[in-house]
Amino acid sequence: MNNAQKKRILFVCVENSCRSQMAEAFGHIYGKGKVEIYSAGSRPSGKVNPRAVEFMKELGCDLKNHISKSLTDLPGGTFDCAITMGCGDECPNVQAVLREDWALEDPKHLTDEEFRRIRDLIGSKVKKLITFLLDE
């Protein structure tokens, strides 16, 4: 499968520091190179939330080299799927065949247990999404 055939998935939240970063990481894990995965924010914070780094590391995923990116940093073209994380972002400048809002609470101020619950929910949803897109 060459890059032109790969499905392109975008995960968006406001700061691109927590939920969308974890979704991007899960996308790379579950996509196993069969999909192109991107994440961005409408108002990027410039850094990845240290708790996201910590809690993803528990699963063997290293986010310390990830950076918070803006929607303007994305490559052009149409995405197969644009997922917002429940923060009101609608990606008006992003073309996507499928748009979905996962309505996930921002875990940055939640307890460790709740943060892990959101992390695991993101992982489950990303896995289902990639399975669906690859089975199309």
Protein backbone atom coordinates (compact mmCIF):
# COMPACT_ATOMS: atom_id res chain seq x y z
CA MET A 1 0.00 0.00 0.00
CA ASN A 2 1.55 3.32 -1.00
CA ASN A 3 0.93 6.65 0.74
CA ALA A 4 -1.69 7.68 -1.85
CA GLN A 5 -3.83 4.72 -0.76
CA LYS A 6 -3.48 5.25 2.98
CA LYS A 7 -6.41 6.61 4.92
CA ARG A 8 -5.67 10.00 6.52
CA ILE A 9 -7.00 10.59 10.05
CA LEU A 10 -6.89 13.86 11.97
CA PHE A 11 -7.51 14.28 15.70
CA VAL A 12 -8.25 17.82 16.91
CA CYS A 13 -8.62 19.51 20.26
CA VAL A 14 -8.04 23.09 21.36
CA GLU A 15 -4.46 22.89 22.68
CA ASN A 16 -3.22 19.73 20.95
CA SER A 17 -1.56 18.88 24.23
CA CYS A 18 -3.51 15.97 25.69
CA ARG A 19 -6.49 14.15 24.11
CA SER A 20 -5.52 14.61 20.47
CA GLN A 21 -1.89 13.76 21.27
CA MET A 22 -2.93 10.50 22.93
CA ALA A 23 -5.24 9.74 19.99
CA GLU A 24 -2.39 10.36 17.55
CA ALA A 25 -0.16 7.98 19.52
CA PHE A 26 -2.84 5.28 19.61
CA GLY A 27 -3.35 5.83 15.88
CA HIS A 28 0.28 5.01 15.22
CA ILE A 29 0.05 1.94 17.45
CA TYR A 30 -3.15 0.53 15.97
CA GLY A 31 -2.62 1.79 12.43
CA LYS A 32 0.72 -0.02 12.14
CA GLY A 33 1.77 2.17 9.21
CA LYS A 34 -1.41 1.47 7.24
CA VAL A 35 -2.90 4.92 7.94
CA GLU A 36 -1.52 8.45 8.11
CA ILE A 37 -2.20 9.95 11.53
CA TYR A 38 -2.19 13.64 12.41
CA SER A 39 -3.18 15.75 15.38
CA ALA A 40 -3.54 19.50 15.77
CA GLY A 41 -5.16 22.22 17.82
CA SER A 42 -7.07 25.39 17.07
CA ARG A 43 -5.02 27.20 19.75
CA PRO A 44 -1.99 24.94 20.35
CA SER A 45 -0.29 25.23 23.71
CA GLY A 46 3.17 24.61 22.29
CA LYS A 47 3.78 21.60 24.52
CA VAL A 48 2.39 18.19 25.32
CA ASN A 49 0.76 17.83 28.73
CA PRO A 50 3.28 16.13 31.07
CA ARG A 51 0.52 13.93 32.49
CA ALA A 52 -0.32 12.68 28.99
CA VAL A 53 3.36 11.81 28.56
CA GLU A 54 3.40 10.05 31.95
CA PHE A 55 0.20 8.06 31.47
CA MET A 56 0.97 7.02 27.89
CA LYS A 57 4.39 5.85 29.05
CA GLU A 58 2.56 3.41 31.34
CA LEU A 59 1.38 1.72 28.13
CA GLY A 60 4.84 1.72 26.58
CA CYS A 61 4.19 4.75 24.37
CA ASP A 62 6.69 7.60 24.46
CA LEU A 63 5.22 11.07 23.79
CA LYS A 64 8.20 13.10 24.98
CA ASN A 65 9.22 13.96 21.39
CA HIS A 66 5.69 14.95 20.34
CA ILE A 67 4.98 18.64 19.82
CA SER A 68 1.78 20.64 20.00
CA LYS A 69 0.78 21.61 16.44
CA SER A 70 -1.63 24.08 14.86
CA LEU A 71 -4.28 23.33 12.25
CA THR A 72 -2.18 25.52 9.94
CA ASP A 73 0.71 23.03 10.27
CA LEU A 74 -1.28 20.25 8.60
CA PRO A 75 -0.59 19.05 5.07
CA GLY A 76 -3.15 20.08 2.47
CA GLY A 77 -5.78 17.88 0.95
CA THR A 78 -8.78 16.03 2.24
CA PHE A 79 -8.68 13.82 5.31
CA ASP A 80 -10.68 10.62 5.34
CA CYS A 81 -11.71 11.33 8.91
CA ALA A 82 -11.50 14.34 11.25
CA ILE A 83 -12.23 13.63 14.89
CA THR A 84 -12.80 16.42 17.38
CA MET A 85 -12.44 15.63 21.06
CA GLY A 86 -15.47 17.42 22.48
CA CYS A 87 -14.00 20.87 22.86
CA GLY A 88 -16.18 22.67 20.34
CA ASP A 89 -13.62 22.71 17.53
CA GLU A 90 -15.23 22.22 14.18
CA CYS A 91 -12.16 22.33 11.91
CA PRO A 92 -13.65 24.83 9.44
CA ASN A 93 -10.48 24.91 7.33
CA VAL A 94 -10.01 21.15 7.23
CA GLN A 95 -11.60 19.10 4.47
CA ALA A 96 -12.75 15.68 5.63
CA VAL A 97 -14.99 12.95 4.23
CA LEU A 98 -16.14 11.89 7.71
CA ARG A 99 -16.39 14.18 10.74
CA GLU A 100 -17.13 12.99 14.22
CA ASP A 101 -17.07 14.55 17.68
CA TRP A 102 -16.16 12.18 20.49
CA ALA A 103 -17.30 14.56 23.26
CA LEU A 104 -14.48 13.58 25.61
CA GLU A 105 -13.84 15.55 28.77
CA ASP A 106 -10.43 17.23 28.91
CA PRO A 107 -8.56 15.18 31.52
CA LYS A 108 -5.88 17.76 32.34
CA HIS A 109 -7.48 18.71 35.69
CA LEU A 110 -8.93 15.30 36.53
CA THR A 111 -7.63 12.78 39.05
CA ASP A 112 -5.07 10.25 37.88
CA GLU A 113 -7.74 7.54 37.81
CA GLU A 114 -10.07 9.66 35.65
CA PHE A 115 -7.19 10.68 33.38
CA ARG A 116 -6.39 7.02 32.78
CA ARG A 117 -10.08 6.32 32.09
CA ILE A 118 -10.14 9.02 29.38
CA ARG A 119 -6.83 7.71 27.99
CA ASP A 120 -8.20 4.17 27.77
CA LEU A 121 -11.45 5.38 26.20
CA ILE A 122 -9.46 7.25 23.54
CA GLY A 123 -7.43 4.12 22.85
CA SER A 124 -10.56 2.02 22.45
CA LYS A 125 -12.23 4.56 20.14
CA VAL A 126 -9.10 4.95 17.98
CA LYS A 127 -8.79 1.18 17.60
CA LYS A 128 -12.45 0.90 16.49
CA LEU A 129 -12.08 3.82 14.08
CA ILE A 130 -8.99 2.39 12.41
CA THR A 131 -10.58 -1.07 12.15
CA PHE A 132 -13.63 0.53 10.51
CA LEU A 133 -11.60 2.61 8.05
CA LEU A 134 -9.34 -0.26 7.04
CA ASP A 135 -12.32 -2.59 6.50
CA GLU A 136 -14.03 -0.13 4.11
